[in-house]
Amino acid sequence: MSSTGKSTPGPPATCYICVRPGADTRDHIVPSGFFPAPRPSNLVTLPAHYSCHNRLSEDYALAILAGTSETSVARKIMGEVRRSLRRSDLGGMKLRRDLIRTLIPCVEFRSPAGVYVGSAPSVKFDPKRIYPLLQKMVRGLYHHHTKRFLPPAAVFAWGLNEHPFGTLETAFSCSDVGLSYPGVFECSYTIIADGDGELSLWWLRFYEGWFFRCATDAVKSAFTLT
């Protein structure tokens, strides 16, 4: 507070997506549209530029993740998903057509020894319409759990519906439990620092089915601290 008794404004908030100052809104780490009504009151938000988070459409990812899941929670939000599909078709985006083209049968997952470990829906989706949104979520999760930012140049590598074996199994078993909303989203993570670099591993699960693994590679000196 200044000597005049007026509060002194703090530094401009940093956008967790582009890691630049001047955030003018707040964005949900896990999109609010991923939840059925009534939505939880404890959804975590972070400062962001409206232009950074608004450019990423959620409809396609939501239709894939919820539309191919069979849980009661996923079924509850399918009404909104269907309305989004109709709006998309009427607006010329043809989202419903694109989604129909992605569907292929469920696939089985087996261990190296051939033991059946489960099955999961399999789709040949457009990665450019899924991974940018998930990458934004990982940036938010990283900041939420570490109070630091992943640098803009951080490298992201993805795996889908893979059962962790070997080194990945060890990393997964030692991971920390992260942000979780039962029935909709859960994650775990581990962060490994080595010299001037840092590797983080994230496991994201949606609607008790879809299972994404994300590895990020970043240089410590590039981090911007809060």
C-alpha atoms as a PDB file:
ATOM      1  CA  MET A   1       0.000   0.000   0.000  1.00  0.00           C
ATOM      2  CA  SER A   2       1.323   3.480  -0.854  1.00  0.00           C
ATOM      3  CA  SER A   3       1.851   6.357   1.648  1.00  0.00           C
ATOM      4  CA  THR A   4      -1.438   7.904   0.472  1.00  0.00           C
ATOM      5  CA  GLY A   5      -3.333   4.908   1.726  1.00  0.00           C
ATOM      6  CA  LYS A   6      -4.264   3.700  -1.760  1.00  0.00           C
ATOM      7  CA  SER A   7      -3.428   0.159  -2.770  1.00  0.00           C
ATOM      8  CA  THR A   8      -0.676  -0.254  -5.308  1.00  0.00           C
ATOM      9  CA  PRO A   9      -1.632  -2.543  -8.166  1.00  0.00           C
ATOM     10  CA  GLY A  10       0.515  -5.658  -8.417  1.00  0.00           C
ATOM     11  CA  PRO A  11       2.307  -6.873 -11.516  1.00  0.00           C
ATOM     12  CA  PRO A  12       0.098  -8.046 -14.376  1.00  0.00           C
ATOM     13  CA  ALA A  13      -0.864 -11.697 -14.114  1.00  0.00           C
ATOM     14  CA  THR A  14       1.005 -14.132 -16.344  1.00  0.00           C
ATOM     15  CA  CYS A  15      -0.928 -16.268 -18.795  1.00  0.00           C
ATOM     16  CA  TYR A  16      -0.245 -19.912 -18.034  1.00  0.00           C
ATOM     17  CA  ILE A  17      -0.594 -20.838 -21.713  1.00  0.00           C
ATOM     18  CA  CYS A  18       1.820 -18.454 -23.475  1.00  0.00           C
ATOM     19  CA  VAL A  19       3.762 -17.436 -20.315  1.00  0.00           C
ATOM     20  CA  ARG A  20       3.427 -13.729 -21.070  1.00  0.00           C
ATOM     21  CA  PRO A  21       2.043 -10.990 -18.809  1.00  0.00           C
ATOM     22  CA  GLY A  22      -1.293  -9.279 -19.237  1.00  0.00           C
ATOM     23  CA  ALA A  23      -3.734 -12.129 -18.594  1.00  0.00           C
ATOM     24  CA  ASP A  24      -7.206 -10.623 -18.915  1.00  0.00           C
ATOM     25  CA  THR A  25      -9.408 -13.538 -17.839  1.00  0.00           C
ATOM     26  CA  ARG A  26      -9.319 -16.880 -16.048  1.00  0.00           C
ATOM     27  CA  ASP A  27      -9.506 -20.277 -17.703  1.00  0.00           C
ATOM     28  CA  HIS A  28     -10.534 -23.676 -16.319  1.00  0.00           C
ATOM     29  CA  ILE A  29      -7.699 -26.216 -16.275  1.00  0.00           C
ATOM     30  CA  VAL A  30     -10.249 -28.937 -17.006  1.00  0.00           C
ATOM     31  CA  PRO A  31     -12.875 -27.386 -19.312  1.00  0.00           C
ATOM     32  CA  SER A  32     -16.164 -26.757 -17.526  1.00  0.00           C
ATOM     33  CA  GLY A  33     -18.003 -28.263 -20.497  1.00  0.00           C
ATOM     34  CA  PHE A  34     -16.514 -31.648 -19.626  1.00  0.00           C
ATOM     35  CA  PHE A  35     -18.787 -31.817 -16.569  1.00  0.00           C
ATOM     36  CA  PRO A  36     -22.505 -32.575 -16.413  1.00  0.00           C
ATOM     37  CA  ALA A  37     -24.816 -30.112 -14.708  1.00  0.00           C
ATOM     38  CA  PRO A  38     -24.718 -29.089 -11.956  1.00  0.00           C
ATOM     39  CA  ARG A  39     -20.997 -28.472 -12.386  1.00  0.00           C
ATOM     40  CA  PRO A  40     -18.696 -28.678  -9.341  1.00  0.00           C
ATOM     41  CA  SER A  41     -18.041 -25.442  -7.488  1.00  0.00           C
ATOM     42  CA  ASN A  42     -14.356 -26.246  -7.002  1.00  0.00           C
ATOM     43  CA  LEU A  43     -13.168 -26.202 -10.624  1.00  0.00           C
ATOM     44  CA  VAL A  44      -9.646 -24.769 -10.695  1.00  0.00           C
ATOM     45  CA  THR A  45      -8.983 -21.725 -12.885  1.00  0.00           C
ATOM     46  CA  LEU A  46      -5.777 -19.889 -13.798  1.00  0.00           C
ATOM     47  CA  PRO A  47      -5.011 -16.453 -15.274  1.00  0.00           C
ATOM     48  CA  ALA A  48      -4.926 -16.541 -19.071  1.00  0.00           C
ATOM     49  CA  HIS A  49      -5.298 -14.372 -22.127  1.00  0.00           C
ATOM     50  CA  TYR A  50      -8.767 -14.742 -23.580  1.00  0.00           C
ATOM     51  CA  SER A  51      -7.166 -14.988 -27.034  1.00  0.00           C
ATOM     52  CA  CYS A  52      -4.961 -17.892 -25.883  1.00  0.00           C
ATOM     53  CA  HIS A  53      -7.634 -20.181 -24.479  1.00  0.00           C
ATOM     54  CA  ASN A  54     -10.558 -19.161 -26.679  1.00  0.00           C
ATOM     55  CA  ARG A  55      -8.816 -20.285 -29.889  1.00  0.00           C
ATOM     56  CA  LEU A  56      -8.967 -23.928 -28.811  1.00  0.00           C
ATOM     57  CA  SER A  57     -12.301 -25.599 -29.511  1.00  0.00           C
ATOM     58  CA  GLU A  58     -13.494 -28.124 -26.927  1.00  0.00           C
ATOM     59  CA  ASP A  59     -16.405 -29.629 -28.876  1.00  0.00           C
ATOM     60  CA  TYR A  60     -14.410 -32.134 -30.919  1.00  0.00           C
ATOM     61  CA  ALA A  61     -12.414 -33.433 -27.933  1.00  0.00           C
ATOM     62  CA  LEU A  62     -15.524 -33.640 -25.760  1.00  0.00           C
ATOM     63  CA  ALA A  63     -17.443 -35.546 -28.423  1.00  0.00           C
ATOM     64  CA  ILE A  64     -14.591 -38.058 -28.738  1.00  0.00           C
ATOM     65  CA  LEU A  65     -13.894 -38.525 -25.024  1.00  0.00           C
ATOM     66  CA  ALA A  66     -17.477 -38.563 -23.718  1.00  0.00           C
ATOM     67  CA  GLY A  67     -19.184 -39.885 -26.835  1.00  0.00           C
ATOM     68  CA  THR A  68     -17.150 -43.103 -26.837  1.00  0.00           C
ATOM     69  CA  SER A  69     -17.306 -43.676 -23.069  1.00  0.00           C
ATOM     70  CA  GLU A  70     -19.977 -45.744 -21.375  1.00  0.00           C
ATOM     71  CA  THR A  71     -20.060 -44.376 -17.834  1.00  0.00           C
ATOM     72  CA  SER A  72     -23.163 -42.767 -16.348  1.00  0.00           C
ATOM     73  CA  VAL A  73     -21.348 -39.428 -16.094  1.00  0.00           C
ATOM     74  CA  ALA A  74     -20.407 -39.474 -19.772  1.00  0.00           C
ATOM     75  CA  ARG A  75     -23.982 -40.342 -20.719  1.00  0.00           C
ATOM     76  CA  LYS A  76     -25.285 -37.358 -18.751  1.00  0.00           C
ATOM     77  CA  ILE A  77     -23.387 -34.890 -20.890  1.00  0.00           C
ATOM     78  CA  MET A  78     -24.187 -36.570 -24.203  1.00  0.00           C
ATOM     79  CA  GLY A  79     -27.270 -34.383 -24.616  1.00  0.00           C
ATOM     80  CA  GLU A  80     -25.077 -31.295 -24.790  1.00  0.00           C
ATOM     81  CA  VAL A  81     -22.609 -33.144 -27.014  1.00  0.00           C
ATOM     82  CA  ARG A  82     -25.417 -33.979 -29.460  1.00  0.00           C
ATOM     83  CA  ARG A  83     -26.610 -30.373 -29.463  1.00  0.00           C
ATOM     84  CA  SER A  84     -23.058 -29.254 -30.230  1.00  0.00           C
ATOM     85  CA  LEU A  85     -22.903 -31.706 -33.114  1.00  0.00           C
ATOM     86  CA  ARG A  86     -26.140 -30.386 -34.573  1.00  0.00           C
ATOM     87  CA  ARG A  87     -24.975 -26.794 -34.220  1.00  0.00           C
ATOM     88  CA  SER A  88     -21.705 -27.745 -35.880  1.00  0.00           C
ATOM     89  CA  ASP A  89     -23.434 -29.297 -38.878  1.00  0.00           C
ATOM     90  CA  LEU A  90     -25.822 -26.376 -39.253  1.00  0.00           C
ATOM     91  CA  GLY A  91     -22.875 -23.982 -39.024  1.00  0.00           C
ATOM     92  CA  GLY A  92     -21.004 -25.740 -41.778  1.00  0.00           C
ATOM     93  CA  MET A  93     -18.274 -27.314 -39.601  1.00  0.00           C
ATOM     94  CA  LYS A  94     -19.583 -30.847 -40.183  1.00  0.00           C
ATOM     95  CA  LEU A  95     -18.316 -32.013 -36.816  1.00  0.00           C
ATOM     96  CA  ARG A  96     -20.740 -34.942 -36.693  1.00  0.00           C
ATOM     97  CA  ARG A  97     -19.549 -36.136 -40.105  1.00  0.00           C
ATOM     98  CA  ASP A  98     -15.929 -35.892 -39.003  1.00  0.00           C
ATOM     99  CA  LEU A  99     -16.609 -37.877 -35.836  1.00  0.00           C
ATOM    100  CA  ILE A 100     -18.369 -40.699 -37.658  1.00  0.00           C
ATOM    101  CA  ARG A 101     -15.255 -41.119 -39.766  1.00  0.00           C
ATOM    102  CA  THR A 102     -13.086 -41.533 -36.673  1.00  0.00           C
ATOM    103  CA  LEU A 103     -14.876 -44.503 -35.115  1.00  0.00           C
ATOM    104  CA  ILE A 104     -13.281 -47.937 -35.259  1.00  0.00           C
ATOM    105  CA  PRO A 105     -13.916 -50.946 -32.969  1.00  0.00           C
ATOM    106  CA  CYS A 106     -12.554 -51.251 -29.445  1.00  0.00           C
ATOM    107  CA  VAL A 107      -9.080 -52.745 -29.193  1.00  0.00           C
ATOM    108  CA  GLU A 108      -7.675 -55.188 -26.659  1.00  0.00           C
ATOM    109  CA  PHE A 109      -4.527 -54.473 -24.657  1.00  0.00           C
ATOM    110  CA  ARG A 110      -2.182 -57.278 -23.690  1.00  0.00           C
ATOM    111  CA  SER A 111       1.065 -57.481 -21.741  1.00  0.00           C
ATOM    112  CA  PRO A 112       4.307 -58.557 -23.449  1.00  0.00           C
ATOM    113  CA  ALA A 113       3.517 -62.064 -22.172  1.00  0.00           C
ATOM    114  CA  GLY A 114       0.141 -61.985 -23.912  1.00  0.00           C
ATOM    115  CA  VAL A 115      -1.992 -61.528 -20.793  1.00  0.00           C
ATOM    116  CA  TYR A 116      -5.217 -59.632 -21.444  1.00  0.00           C
ATOM    117  CA  VAL A 117      -5.249 -56.377 -19.422  1.00  0.00           C
ATOM    118  CA  GLY A 118      -8.385 -54.718 -20.755  1.00  0.00           C
ATOM    119  CA  SER A 119      -9.869 -52.941 -23.728  1.00  0.00           C
ATOM    120  CA  ALA A 120     -10.537 -49.340 -24.690  1.00  0.00           C
ATOM    121  CA  PRO A 121     -12.315 -47.451 -27.434  1.00  0.00           C
ATOM    122  CA  SER A 122     -10.104 -46.750 -30.400  1.00  0.00           C
ATOM    123  CA  VAL A 123     -10.554 -43.914 -32.847  1.00  0.00           C
ATOM    124  CA  LYS A 124      -8.484 -42.459 -35.602  1.00  0.00           C
ATOM    125  CA  PHE A 125      -9.003 -38.890 -34.474  1.00  0.00           C
ATOM    126  CA  ASP A 126      -7.461 -35.697 -35.771  1.00  0.00           C
ATOM    127  CA  PRO A 127      -4.513 -35.021 -33.414  1.00  0.00           C
ATOM    128  CA  LYS A 128      -4.538 -31.317 -34.300  1.00  0.00           C
ATOM    129  CA  ARG A 129      -8.003 -31.076 -32.754  1.00  0.00           C
ATOM    130  CA  ILE A 130      -7.215 -33.051 -29.595  1.00  0.00           C
ATOM    131  CA  TYR A 131      -3.628 -32.571 -28.458  1.00  0.00           C
ATOM    132  CA  PRO A 132      -3.465 -28.735 -28.412  1.00  0.00           C
ATOM    133  CA  LEU A 133      -6.315 -28.745 -25.881  1.00  0.00           C
ATOM    134  CA  LEU A 134      -4.678 -31.484 -23.809  1.00  0.00           C
ATOM    135  CA  GLN A 135      -1.355 -29.649 -24.018  1.00  0.00           C
ATOM    136  CA  LYS A 136      -3.038 -26.568 -22.568  1.00  0.00           C
ATOM    137  CA  MET A 137      -4.392 -28.740 -19.758  1.00  0.00           C
ATOM    138  CA  VAL A 138      -0.926 -30.123 -18.989  1.00  0.00           C
ATOM    139  CA  ARG A 139       0.445 -26.573 -18.824  1.00  0.00           C
ATOM    140  CA  GLY A 140      -2.302 -25.731 -16.346  1.00  0.00           C
ATOM    141  CA  LEU A 141      -1.741 -28.863 -14.281  1.00  0.00           C
ATOM    142  CA  TYR A 142       1.997 -28.219 -14.172  1.00  0.00           C
ATOM    143  CA  HIS A 143       1.468 -24.660 -12.927  1.00  0.00           C
ATOM    144  CA  HIS A 144      -1.218 -25.737 -10.460  1.00  0.00           C
ATOM    145  CA  HIS A 145       0.994 -28.379  -8.869  1.00  0.00           C
ATOM    146  CA  THR A 146       4.436 -26.705  -9.065  1.00  0.00           C
ATOM    147  CA  LYS A 147       3.573 -22.964  -9.045  1.00  0.00           C
ATOM    148  CA  ARG A 148       5.867 -22.618 -12.055  1.00  0.00           C
ATOM    149  CA  PHE A 149       5.287 -22.346 -15.785  1.00  0.00           C
ATOM    150  CA  LEU A 150       6.267 -24.679 -18.559  1.00  0.00           C
ATOM    151  CA  PRO A 151       8.245 -22.537 -21.026  1.00  0.00           C
ATOM    152  CA  PRO A 152       6.656 -21.792 -24.402  1.00  0.00           C
ATOM    153  CA  ALA A 153       9.260 -23.945 -26.156  1.00  0.00           C
ATOM    154  CA  ALA A 154       8.631 -27.027 -23.994  1.00  0.00           C
ATOM    155  CA  VAL A 155       8.398 -30.245 -26.028  1.00  0.00           C
ATOM    156  CA  PHE A 156       5.364 -32.523 -25.594  1.00  0.00           C
ATOM    157  CA  ALA A 157       5.247 -36.233 -26.504  1.00  0.00           C
ATOM    158  CA  TRP A 158       2.031 -38.260 -26.264  1.00  0.00           C
ATOM    159  CA  GLY A 159       0.945 -41.839 -25.808  1.00  0.00           C
ATOM    160  CA  LEU A 160      -2.648 -43.100 -25.921  1.00  0.00           C
ATOM    161  CA  ASN A 161      -4.292 -45.959 -24.008  1.00  0.00           C
ATOM    162  CA  GLU A 162      -0.955 -47.622 -23.354  1.00  0.00           C
ATOM    163  CA  HIS A 163      -0.533 -49.931 -20.381  1.00  0.00           C
ATOM    164  CA  PRO A 164       2.656 -48.888 -18.505  1.00  0.00           C
ATOM    165  CA  PHE A 165       5.372 -51.526 -18.538  1.00  0.00           C
ATOM    166  CA  GLY A 166       9.053 -51.438 -17.600  1.00  0.00           C
ATOM    167  CA  THR A 167      10.384 -47.926 -16.992  1.00  0.00           C
ATOM    168  CA  LEU A 168       6.961 -46.380 -17.509  1.00  0.00           C
ATOM    169  CA  GLU A 169       5.422 -48.752 -14.979  1.00  0.00           C
ATOM    170  CA  THR A 170       8.071 -47.763 -12.417  1.00  0.00           C
ATOM    171  CA  ALA A 171       7.487 -44.064 -13.066  1.00  0.00           C
ATOM    172  CA  PHE A 172       3.717 -44.521 -12.856  1.00  0.00           C
ATOM    173  CA  SER A 173       3.897 -46.430  -9.566  1.00  0.00           C
ATOM    174  CA  CYS A 174       5.998 -43.623  -8.035  1.00  0.00           C
ATOM    175  CA  SER A 175       3.876 -40.783  -9.386  1.00  0.00           C
ATOM    176  CA  ASP A 176       1.972 -38.272  -7.283  1.00  0.00           C
ATOM    177  CA  VAL A 177      -1.801 -38.006  -7.399  1.00  0.00           C
ATOM    178  CA  GLY A 178      -2.808 -34.792  -9.121  1.00  0.00           C
ATOM    179  CA  LEU A 179      -5.986 -32.827  -9.691  1.00  0.00           C
ATOM    180  CA  SER A 180      -8.994 -35.120  -9.764  1.00  0.00           C
ATOM    181  CA  TYR A 181     -12.738 -34.886 -10.344  1.00  0.00           C
ATOM    182  CA  PRO A 182     -14.256 -38.357  -9.850  1.00  0.00           C
ATOM    183  CA  GLY A 183     -16.015 -39.765 -12.867  1.00  0.00           C
ATOM    184  CA  VAL A 184     -14.745 -37.060 -15.212  1.00  0.00           C
ATOM    185  CA  PHE A 185     -11.018 -36.541 -14.877  1.00  0.00           C
ATOM    186  CA  GLU A 186      -8.064 -37.779 -12.880  1.00  0.00           C
ATOM    187  CA  CYS A 187      -4.339 -37.408 -13.280  1.00  0.00           C
ATOM    188  CA  SER A 188      -1.031 -38.415 -11.767  1.00  0.00           C
ATOM    189  CA  TYR A 189       2.407 -37.032 -12.453  1.00  0.00           C
ATOM    190  CA  THR A 190       6.094 -37.251 -11.726  1.00  0.00           C
ATOM    191  CA  ILE A 191       8.814 -34.660 -12.297  1.00  0.00           C
ATOM    192  CA  ILE A 192      12.435 -35.626 -12.868  1.00  0.00           C
ATOM    193  CA  ALA A 193      15.184 -32.984 -12.808  1.00  0.00           C
ATOM    194  CA  ASP A 194      18.559 -33.762 -14.382  1.00  0.00           C
ATOM    195  CA  GLY A 195      21.244 -31.111 -14.760  1.00  0.00           C
ATOM    196  CA  ASP A 196      19.828 -28.135 -16.609  1.00  0.00           C
ATOM    197  CA  GLY A 197      16.754 -29.972 -17.820  1.00  0.00           C
ATOM    198  CA  GLU A 198      13.544 -31.313 -16.430  1.00  0.00           C
ATOM    199  CA  LEU A 199      11.247 -34.079 -17.578  1.00  0.00           C
ATOM    200  CA  SER A 200       7.680 -34.341 -16.393  1.00  0.00           C
ATOM    201  CA  LEU A 201       5.361 -37.267 -17.007  1.00  0.00           C
ATOM    202  CA  TRP A 202       1.592 -36.933 -16.843  1.00  0.00           C
ATOM    203  CA  TRP A 203      -1.135 -39.538 -17.016  1.00  0.00           C
ATOM    204  CA  LEU A 204      -4.555 -38.117 -17.822  1.00  0.00           C
ATOM    205  CA  ARG A 205      -7.702 -40.222 -17.615  1.00  0.00           C
ATOM    206  CA  PHE A 206     -11.128 -39.133 -18.845  1.00  0.00           C
ATOM    207  CA  TYR A 207     -14.483 -40.685 -17.945  1.00  0.00           C
ATOM    208  CA  GLU A 208     -12.783 -43.734 -16.399  1.00  0.00           C
ATOM    209  CA  GLY A 209     -11.648 -44.888 -19.821  1.00  0.00           C
ATOM    210  CA  TRP A 210      -9.445 -42.778 -22.070  1.00  0.00           C
ATOM    211  CA  PHE A 211      -5.856 -42.787 -20.835  1.00  0.00           C
ATOM    212  CA  PHE A 212      -3.297 -40.329 -22.198  1.00  0.00           C
ATOM    213  CA  ARG A 213       0.374 -40.218 -21.270  1.00  0.00           C
ATOM    214  CA  CYS A 214       2.251 -36.952 -21.802  1.00  0.00           C
ATOM    215  CA  ALA A 215       5.983 -36.342 -21.417  1.00  0.00           C
ATOM    216  CA  THR A 216       7.287 -32.786 -21.364  1.00  0.00           C
ATOM    217  CA  ASP A 217      10.912 -31.800 -21.830  1.00  0.00           C
ATOM    218  CA  ALA A 218      12.030 -28.336 -20.742  1.00  0.00           C
ATOM    219  CA  VAL A 219      15.126 -26.373 -19.721  1.00  0.00           C
ATOM    220  CA  LYS A 220      15.119 -25.076 -16.160  1.00  0.00           C
ATOM    221  CA  SER A 221      16.560 -21.694 -17.080  1.00  0.00           C
ATOM    222  CA  ALA A 222      13.583 -21.064 -19.385  1.00  0.00           C
ATOM    223  CA  PHE A 223      11.062 -21.259 -16.546  1.00  0.00           C
ATOM    224  CA  THR A 224       9.202 -18.140 -15.468  1.00  0.00           C
ATOM    225  CA  LEU A 225       8.377 -18.194 -11.769  1.00  0.00           C
ATOM    226  CA  THR A 226       5.301 -16.706 -10.175  1.00  0.00           C
END
